[in-house]
Every structure is written in C-alpha cells, then in structure tokens.
C-alpha cells in the first residue's frame, strides 16, 4: 500500500492533509475538555464554599428569634377583640448565640471572598483565552 501512496502524489498530499486535520481536531477536543474540567472545578469550589457557608450559618444561627404566644388563638368566625389577640415576644439572644453569629458572619465573609477570587481568576483566564483566539 505504501508503494501506491508514493506513486500517486495527489493521494499522498491528501493523506497528509487528512492526518494534519485529524491532529488539529484532537488538539481542539483536548483543549475543550481541559477548559470544561477547569470550569467544573471552579463551579464545584464556589458551590462548595456557598454550601458550607449556608450550613454554618444555619447551624450556628438556629437559636435565633423564637416567638411565644401568651393567649390561645380563638377559632371563631368573627374577629377577636384587640385585647384577646395573640401577643408575641422576641427572646434576647444569649452571649453564646451572639458569638456564634459573629463567627458565622466572619466565616461567611471569608468564604465569599475566596469564592470571589476564584470567580475573578476564572473570568480573567477565560478573557485571556478569548483574546488569544
């Protein structure tokens, strides 16, 4: 078969062109998969940071404002008089929950800062790659 390829110069040229196109396509597919992998990693990092922040805030801030009712709700068709309406009071947060809220706020700010940096880095690299193309 090599004998036929060397005897026909047009065929040899077409085979070389085909091989070159194949290598270029493989290179483009590899580049696209690398970019996709990088985007997914960044999305997972940002999503994980947000999920951890949410969990921290929800766990540390679970003892927030609780409401007590002093009177029972009447099940009547007519509205109840004003003096018999349900009264609600908010409990003052304890020192422990105040410290927990401060820690949660600080952790939230730190994680959002990390997520912001990762996102800005991703956008810069994407902008550079678009400029290079």
N, C-alpha and C. Protein backbone atom coordinates (compact mmCIF):
# COMPACT_ATOMS: atom_id res chain seq x y z
N UNK A 1 0.82 -1.18 0.00
CA UNK A 1 0.00 0.00 0.00
C UNK A 1 0.87 1.26 0.00
N UNK A 2 2.01 1.18 0.67
CA UNK A 2 2.92 2.32 0.67
C UNK A 2 3.43 2.60 -0.73
N UNK A 3 3.54 1.58 -1.50
CA UNK A 3 4.01 1.74 -2.87
C UNK A 3 3.01 2.58 -3.66
N UNK A 4 1.70 2.32 -3.44
CA UNK A 4 0.68 3.09 -4.15
C UNK A 4 0.66 4.55 -3.69
N UNK A 5 0.89 4.76 -2.40
CA UNK A 5 0.88 6.12 -1.88
C UNK A 5 2.04 6.93 -2.44
N UNK A 6 3.17 6.33 -2.57
CA UNK A 6 4.34 7.06 -3.08
C UNK A 6 4.23 7.28 -4.58
N UNK A 7 3.52 6.44 -5.28
CA UNK A 7 3.40 6.58 -6.72
C UNK A 7 2.41 7.69 -7.09
N UNK A 8 1.39 7.92 -6.25
CA UNK A 8 0.40 8.94 -6.56
C UNK A 8 0.62 10.14 -5.63
N UNK A 9 1.18 11.22 -6.15
CA UNK A 9 1.49 12.38 -5.30
C UNK A 9 0.23 13.07 -4.76
N UNK A 10 -0.85 13.07 -5.52
CA UNK A 10 -2.08 13.70 -5.04
C UNK A 10 -2.64 12.95 -3.83
N UNK A 11 -2.63 11.65 -3.92
CA UNK A 11 -3.12 10.83 -2.82
C UNK A 11 -2.27 11.04 -1.56
N UNK A 12 -0.95 11.10 -1.74
CA UNK A 12 -0.05 11.33 -0.62
C UNK A 12 -0.34 12.68 0.03
N UNK A 13 -0.56 13.69 -0.79
CA UNK A 13 -0.85 15.02 -0.28
C UNK A 13 -2.18 15.03 0.48
N UNK A 14 -3.18 14.35 -0.04
CA UNK A 14 -4.48 14.26 0.62
C UNK A 14 -4.38 13.52 1.95
N UNK A 15 -3.62 12.45 2.01
CA UNK A 15 -3.43 11.70 3.25
C UNK A 15 -2.72 12.55 4.30
N UNK A 16 -1.72 13.31 3.89
CA UNK A 16 -1.03 14.19 4.82
C UNK A 16 -1.96 15.28 5.36
N UNK A 17 -2.76 15.84 4.46
CA UNK A 17 -3.73 16.86 4.88
C UNK A 17 -4.74 16.27 5.84
N UNK A 18 -5.21 15.09 5.54
CA UNK A 18 -6.17 14.41 6.42
C UNK A 18 -5.57 14.16 7.80
N UNK A 19 -4.32 13.72 7.83
CA UNK A 19 -3.64 13.46 9.12
C UNK A 19 -3.46 14.76 9.91
N UNK A 20 -3.11 15.83 9.21
CA UNK A 20 -2.94 17.13 9.87
C UNK A 20 -4.27 17.61 10.48
N UNK A 21 -5.37 17.47 9.73
CA UNK A 21 -6.68 17.85 10.24
C UNK A 21 -7.08 17.00 11.45
N UNK A 22 -6.75 15.74 11.38
CA UNK A 22 -7.06 14.84 12.49
C UNK A 22 -6.33 15.27 13.75
N UNK A 23 -5.05 15.61 13.63
CA UNK A 23 -4.28 16.08 14.79
C UNK A 23 -4.84 17.39 15.34
N UNK A 24 -5.24 18.31 14.44
CA UNK A 24 -5.81 19.58 14.89
C UNK A 24 -7.13 19.37 15.63
N UNK A 25 -7.96 18.47 15.12
CA UNK A 25 -9.23 18.17 15.80
C UNK A 25 -8.98 17.54 17.17
N UNK A 26 -8.04 16.63 17.24
CA UNK A 26 -7.73 16.02 18.54
C UNK A 26 -7.21 17.06 19.52
N UNK A 27 -6.41 17.99 19.04
CA UNK A 27 -5.89 19.05 19.90
C UNK A 27 -7.04 19.94 20.40
N UNK A 28 -7.96 20.30 19.52
CA UNK A 28 -9.10 21.14 19.91
C UNK A 28 -10.00 20.43 20.92
N UNK A 29 -10.23 19.14 20.71
CA UNK A 29 -11.05 18.38 21.65
C UNK A 29 -10.37 18.32 23.02
N UNK A 30 -9.07 18.12 23.03
CA UNK A 30 -8.33 18.10 24.30
C UNK A 30 -8.40 19.45 25.00
N UNK A 31 -8.23 20.53 24.23
CA UNK A 31 -8.32 21.88 24.81
C UNK A 31 -9.71 22.13 25.39
N UNK A 32 -10.74 21.73 24.68
CA UNK A 32 -12.11 21.93 25.15
C UNK A 32 -12.37 21.12 26.42
N UNK A 33 -11.87 19.90 26.48
CA UNK A 33 -12.08 19.09 27.68
C UNK A 33 -11.31 19.66 28.87
N UNK A 34 -10.13 20.21 28.62
CA UNK A 34 -9.37 20.86 29.70
C UNK A 34 -10.10 22.09 30.22
N UNK A 35 -10.65 22.90 29.30
CA UNK A 35 -11.40 24.08 29.71
C UNK A 35 -12.65 23.69 30.50
N UNK A 36 -13.34 22.66 30.03
CA UNK A 36 -14.54 22.21 30.72
C UNK A 36 -14.20 21.70 32.11
N UNK A 37 -13.12 20.97 32.22
CA UNK A 37 -12.69 20.47 33.52
C UNK A 37 -12.38 21.61 34.48
N UNK A 38 -11.70 22.64 33.98
CA UNK A 38 -11.37 23.78 34.82
C UNK A 38 -12.62 24.53 35.27
N UNK A 39 -13.58 24.71 34.35
CA UNK A 39 -14.83 25.38 34.69
C UNK A 39 -15.60 24.58 35.74
N UNK A 40 -15.66 23.28 35.59
CA UNK A 40 -16.37 22.44 36.56
C UNK A 40 -15.69 22.48 37.93
N UNK A 41 -14.38 22.48 37.95
CA UNK A 41 -13.67 22.56 39.23
C UNK A 41 -13.99 23.87 39.94
N UNK A 42 -13.94 24.97 39.18
CA UNK A 42 -14.25 26.27 39.77
C UNK A 42 -15.68 26.32 40.26
N UNK A 43 -16.61 25.77 39.49
CA UNK A 43 -18.01 25.76 39.91
C UNK A 43 -18.20 24.93 41.17
N UNK A 44 -17.51 23.80 41.26
CA UNK A 44 -17.60 22.97 42.46
C UNK A 44 -17.00 23.68 43.68
N UNK A 45 -15.90 24.38 43.47
CA UNK A 45 -15.29 25.11 44.59
C UNK A 45 -16.23 26.20 45.09
N UNK A 46 -16.78 26.97 44.17
CA UNK A 46 -17.69 28.05 44.55
C UNK A 46 -18.95 27.49 45.19
N UNK A 47 -19.52 26.45 44.58
CA UNK A 47 -20.72 25.83 45.14
C UNK A 47 -20.46 25.23 46.52
N UNK A 48 -19.32 24.60 46.68
CA UNK A 48 -18.96 24.03 47.98
C UNK A 48 -18.79 25.11 49.04
N UNK A 49 -18.16 26.21 48.65
CA UNK A 49 -17.99 27.31 49.60
C UNK A 49 -19.34 27.87 50.03
N UNK A 50 -20.22 28.03 49.06
CA UNK A 50 -21.55 28.54 49.40
C UNK A 50 -22.34 27.55 50.26
N UNK A 51 -22.22 26.27 49.96
CA UNK A 51 -22.93 25.25 50.75
C UNK A 51 -22.40 25.21 52.18
N UNK A 52 -21.09 25.26 52.34
CA UNK A 52 -20.50 25.25 53.69
C UNK A 52 -20.93 26.50 54.45
N UNK A 53 -20.94 27.63 53.78
CA UNK A 53 -21.38 28.87 54.42
C UNK A 53 -22.82 28.76 54.87
N UNK A 54 -23.66 28.23 54.01
CA UNK A 54 -25.08 28.08 54.36
C UNK A 54 -25.23 27.15 55.56
N UNK A 55 -24.53 26.03 55.56
CA UNK A 55 -24.62 25.10 56.68
C UNK A 55 -24.13 25.72 57.98
N UNK A 56 -23.02 26.45 57.90
CA UNK A 56 -22.51 27.11 59.11
C UNK A 56 -23.50 28.13 59.65
N UNK A 57 -24.05 28.91 58.77
CA UNK A 57 -24.99 29.94 59.20
C UNK A 57 -26.25 29.29 59.77
N UNK A 58 -26.74 28.26 59.10
CA UNK A 58 -27.97 27.64 59.58
C UNK A 58 -27.74 26.89 60.90
N UNK A 59 -26.57 26.28 61.10
CA UNK A 59 -26.30 25.56 62.34
C UNK A 59 -26.01 26.52 63.50
N UNK A 60 -25.21 27.53 63.24
CA UNK A 60 -24.85 28.46 64.31
C UNK A 60 -25.97 29.46 64.60
N UNK A 61 -26.78 29.72 63.63
CA UNK A 61 -27.84 30.70 63.83
C UNK A 61 -29.19 30.08 64.09
N UNK A 62 -29.23 28.81 64.47
CA UNK A 62 -30.52 28.13 64.67
C UNK A 62 -31.25 28.61 65.92
N UNK A 63 -30.54 29.16 66.89
CA UNK A 63 -31.17 29.61 68.13
C UNK A 63 -31.53 31.09 68.09
N UNK A 64 -31.94 31.57 66.95
CA UNK A 64 -32.27 32.98 66.82
C UNK A 64 -33.60 33.30 67.47
N UNK A 65 -34.33 34.15 66.88
CA UNK A 65 -35.56 34.67 67.47
C UNK A 65 -36.65 33.61 67.55
N UNK A 66 -37.15 33.38 68.74
CA UNK A 66 -38.26 32.46 68.94
C UNK A 66 -39.42 33.27 69.47
N UNK A 67 -40.60 32.89 69.09
CA UNK A 67 -41.77 33.64 69.48
C UNK A 67 -42.62 32.81 70.44
N UNK A 68 -43.14 33.46 71.47
CA UNK A 68 -44.03 32.80 72.42
C UNK A 68 -45.41 33.42 72.27
N UNK A 69 -46.39 32.59 72.40
CA UNK A 69 -47.76 33.12 72.38
C UNK A 69 -48.31 33.05 73.79
N UNK A 70 -48.88 34.15 74.25
CA UNK A 70 -49.41 34.19 75.61
C UNK A 70 -50.87 33.81 75.65
N UNK A 71 -51.57 34.01 74.57
CA UNK A 71 -53.01 33.70 74.57
C UNK A 71 -53.27 32.70 73.45
N UNK A 72 -54.33 31.92 73.61
CA UNK A 72 -54.69 30.93 72.59
C UNK A 72 -55.46 31.61 71.48
N UNK A 73 -55.27 31.09 70.28
CA UNK A 73 -55.99 31.63 69.13
C UNK A 73 -57.42 31.09 69.18
N UNK A 74 -58.35 31.98 69.05
CA UNK A 74 -59.76 31.57 69.10
C UNK A 74 -60.20 31.20 67.69
N UNK A 75 -60.91 30.12 67.60
CA UNK A 75 -61.41 29.65 66.32
C UNK A 75 -62.86 30.10 66.16
N UNK A 76 -63.04 31.35 65.85
CA UNK A 76 -64.37 31.91 65.68
C UNK A 76 -64.45 32.52 64.30
N UNK A 77 -65.66 32.67 63.82
CA UNK A 77 -65.87 33.28 62.52
C UNK A 77 -65.63 34.78 62.60
N UNK A 78 -66.01 35.40 63.70
CA UNK A 78 -65.82 36.84 63.87
C UNK A 78 -64.42 37.11 64.40
N UNK A 79 -63.83 38.25 64.05
CA UNK A 79 -62.51 38.55 64.57
C UNK A 79 -62.54 38.77 66.08
N UNK A 80 -61.46 38.40 66.74
CA UNK A 80 -61.36 38.52 68.19
C UNK A 80 -61.12 39.98 68.57
N UNK A 81 -61.54 40.38 69.75
CA UNK A 81 -61.24 41.74 70.20
C UNK A 81 -59.73 41.95 70.31
N UNK A 82 -59.32 43.18 70.28
CA UNK A 82 -57.89 43.52 70.27
C UNK A 82 -57.19 43.00 71.52
N UNK A 83 -57.82 43.07 72.67
CA UNK A 83 -57.16 42.64 73.90
C UNK A 83 -57.00 41.13 73.99
N UNK A 84 -57.68 40.36 73.16
CA UNK A 84 -57.56 38.90 73.19
C UNK A 84 -56.67 38.37 72.07
N UNK A 85 -56.08 39.23 71.26
CA UNK A 85 -55.23 38.79 70.14
C UNK A 85 -53.93 38.21 70.68
N UNK A 86 -53.31 37.42 69.89
CA UNK A 86 -52.08 36.74 70.27
C UNK A 86 -50.96 37.76 70.37
N UNK A 87 -50.25 37.73 71.48
CA UNK A 87 -49.11 38.61 71.68
C UNK A 87 -47.85 37.80 71.44
N UNK A 88 -46.89 38.43 70.81
CA UNK A 88 -45.64 37.75 70.51
C UNK A 88 -44.49 38.54 71.11
N UNK A 89 -43.55 37.82 71.69
CA UNK A 89 -42.35 38.43 72.25
C UNK A 89 -41.13 37.78 71.62
N UNK A 90 -40.10 38.56 71.44
CA UNK A 90 -38.86 38.03 70.93
C UNK A 90 -37.89 37.86 72.11
N UNK A 91 -37.24 36.70 72.14
CA UNK A 91 -36.25 36.47 73.19
C UNK A 91 -34.97 37.18 72.82
N UNK A 92 -34.27 37.66 73.80
CA UNK A 92 -32.97 38.27 73.53
C UNK A 92 -31.95 37.16 73.34
N UNK A 93 -31.08 37.31 72.35
CA UNK A 93 -30.10 36.24 72.11
C UNK A 93 -29.09 36.16 73.25
N UNK A 94 -28.68 34.94 73.54
CA UNK A 94 -27.70 34.74 74.61
C UNK A 94 -26.31 35.13 74.10
N UNK A 95 -25.36 35.18 75.00
CA UNK A 95 -23.99 35.54 74.64
C UNK A 95 -23.39 34.49 73.70
N UNK A 96 -23.71 33.23 73.94
CA UNK A 96 -23.19 32.15 73.10
C UNK A 96 -23.70 32.27 71.66
N UNK A 97 -24.99 32.55 71.52
CA UNK A 97 -25.53 32.67 70.16
C UNK A 97 -25.00 33.93 69.48
N UNK A 98 -24.72 34.99 70.25
CA UNK A 98 -24.13 36.19 69.66
C UNK A 98 -22.72 35.90 69.14
N UNK A 99 -21.95 35.13 69.91
CA UNK A 99 -20.60 34.75 69.47
C UNK A 99 -20.69 33.86 68.24
N UNK A 100 -21.62 32.91 68.28
CA UNK A 100 -21.81 32.03 67.12
C UNK A 100 -22.20 32.80 65.88
N UNK A 101 -23.06 33.81 66.04
CA UNK A 101 -23.46 34.63 64.90
C UNK A 101 -22.28 35.40 64.35
N UNK A 102 -21.42 35.93 65.24
CA UNK A 102 -20.23 36.65 64.80
C UNK A 102 -19.29 35.74 64.03
N UNK A 103 -19.09 34.52 64.55
CA UNK A 103 -18.22 33.55 63.87
C UNK A 103 -18.81 33.20 62.51
N UNK A 104 -20.11 32.98 62.46
CA UNK A 104 -20.76 32.64 61.19
C UNK A 104 -20.64 33.78 60.19
N UNK A 105 -20.79 35.01 60.66
CA UNK A 105 -20.64 36.16 59.77
C UNK A 105 -19.22 36.26 59.22
N UNK A 106 -18.25 36.06 60.10
CA UNK A 106 -16.85 36.12 59.68
C UNK A 106 -16.53 35.01 58.68
N UNK A 107 -17.01 33.80 58.96
CA UNK A 107 -16.78 32.68 58.04
C UNK A 107 -17.45 32.94 56.70
N UNK A 108 -18.63 33.52 56.74
CA UNK A 108 -19.35 33.83 55.50
C UNK A 108 -18.56 34.82 54.67
N UNK A 109 -18.05 35.86 55.30
CA UNK A 109 -17.27 36.86 54.58
C UNK A 109 -16.02 36.25 53.99
N UNK A 110 -15.34 35.40 54.76
CA UNK A 110 -14.12 34.77 54.27
C UNK A 110 -14.40 33.85 53.09
N UNK A 111 -15.43 33.02 53.20
CA UNK A 111 -15.75 32.09 52.12
C UNK A 111 -16.23 32.83 50.87
N UNK A 112 -16.99 33.88 51.04
CA UNK A 112 -17.42 34.66 49.88
C UNK A 112 -16.23 35.36 49.23
N UNK A 113 -15.26 35.78 50.01
CA UNK A 113 -14.06 36.39 49.45
C UNK A 113 -13.27 35.36 48.64
N UNK A 114 -13.14 34.15 49.16
CA UNK A 114 -12.46 33.08 48.43
C UNK A 114 -13.19 32.77 47.13
N UNK A 115 -14.51 32.69 47.21
CA UNK A 115 -15.31 32.42 46.01
C UNK A 115 -15.17 33.55 45.00
N UNK A 116 -15.14 34.79 45.48
CA UNK A 116 -14.98 35.95 44.59
C UNK A 116 -13.64 35.89 43.87
N UNK A 117 -12.58 35.56 44.60
CA UNK A 117 -11.24 35.47 44.00
C UNK A 117 -11.20 34.35 42.95
N UNK A 118 -11.79 33.21 43.26
CA UNK A 118 -11.79 32.11 42.30
C UNK A 118 -12.58 32.48 41.06
N UNK A 119 -13.70 33.15 41.24
CA UNK A 119 -14.51 33.56 40.10
C UNK A 119 -13.79 34.61 39.26
N UNK A 120 -13.15 35.58 39.89
CA UNK A 120 -12.44 36.60 39.12
C UNK A 120 -11.25 36.00 38.38
N UNK A 121 -10.56 35.05 38.99
CA UNK A 121 -9.45 34.37 38.32
C UNK A 121 -9.95 33.59 37.11
N UNK A 122 -11.06 32.91 37.27
CA UNK A 122 -11.64 32.16 36.17
C UNK A 122 -12.03 33.09 35.03
N UNK A 123 -12.65 34.22 35.35
CA UNK A 123 -13.07 35.16 34.31
C UNK A 123 -11.87 35.77 33.60
N UNK A 124 -10.77 36.05 34.33
CA UNK A 124 -9.57 36.59 33.71
C UNK A 124 -8.97 35.60 32.73
N UNK A 125 -8.86 34.33 33.15
CA UNK A 125 -8.28 33.32 32.26
C UNK A 125 -9.17 33.11 31.04
N UNK A 126 -10.46 33.15 31.25
CA UNK A 126 -11.39 32.99 30.12
C UNK A 126 -11.27 34.16 29.15
N UNK A 127 -11.13 35.37 29.69
CA UNK A 127 -10.99 36.56 28.85
C UNK A 127 -9.67 36.49 28.08
N UNK A 128 -8.59 36.04 28.73
CA UNK A 128 -7.30 35.92 28.05
C UNK A 128 -7.36 34.88 26.94
N UNK A 129 -8.03 33.76 27.20
CA UNK A 129 -8.13 32.72 26.17
C UNK A 129 -8.97 33.20 25.00
N UNK A 130 -10.02 34.00 25.28
CA UNK A 130 -10.83 34.54 24.20
C UNK A 130 -10.04 35.57 23.39
N UNK A 131 -9.18 36.34 24.05
CA UNK A 131 -8.36 37.32 23.36
C UNK A 131 -7.31 36.63 22.50
N UNK A 132 -6.78 35.51 22.97
CA UNK A 132 -5.77 34.76 22.23
C UNK A 132 -6.36 34.08 21.00
N UNK A 133 -7.63 33.76 21.05
CA UNK A 133 -8.26 33.03 19.92
C UNK A 133 -8.48 33.92 18.73
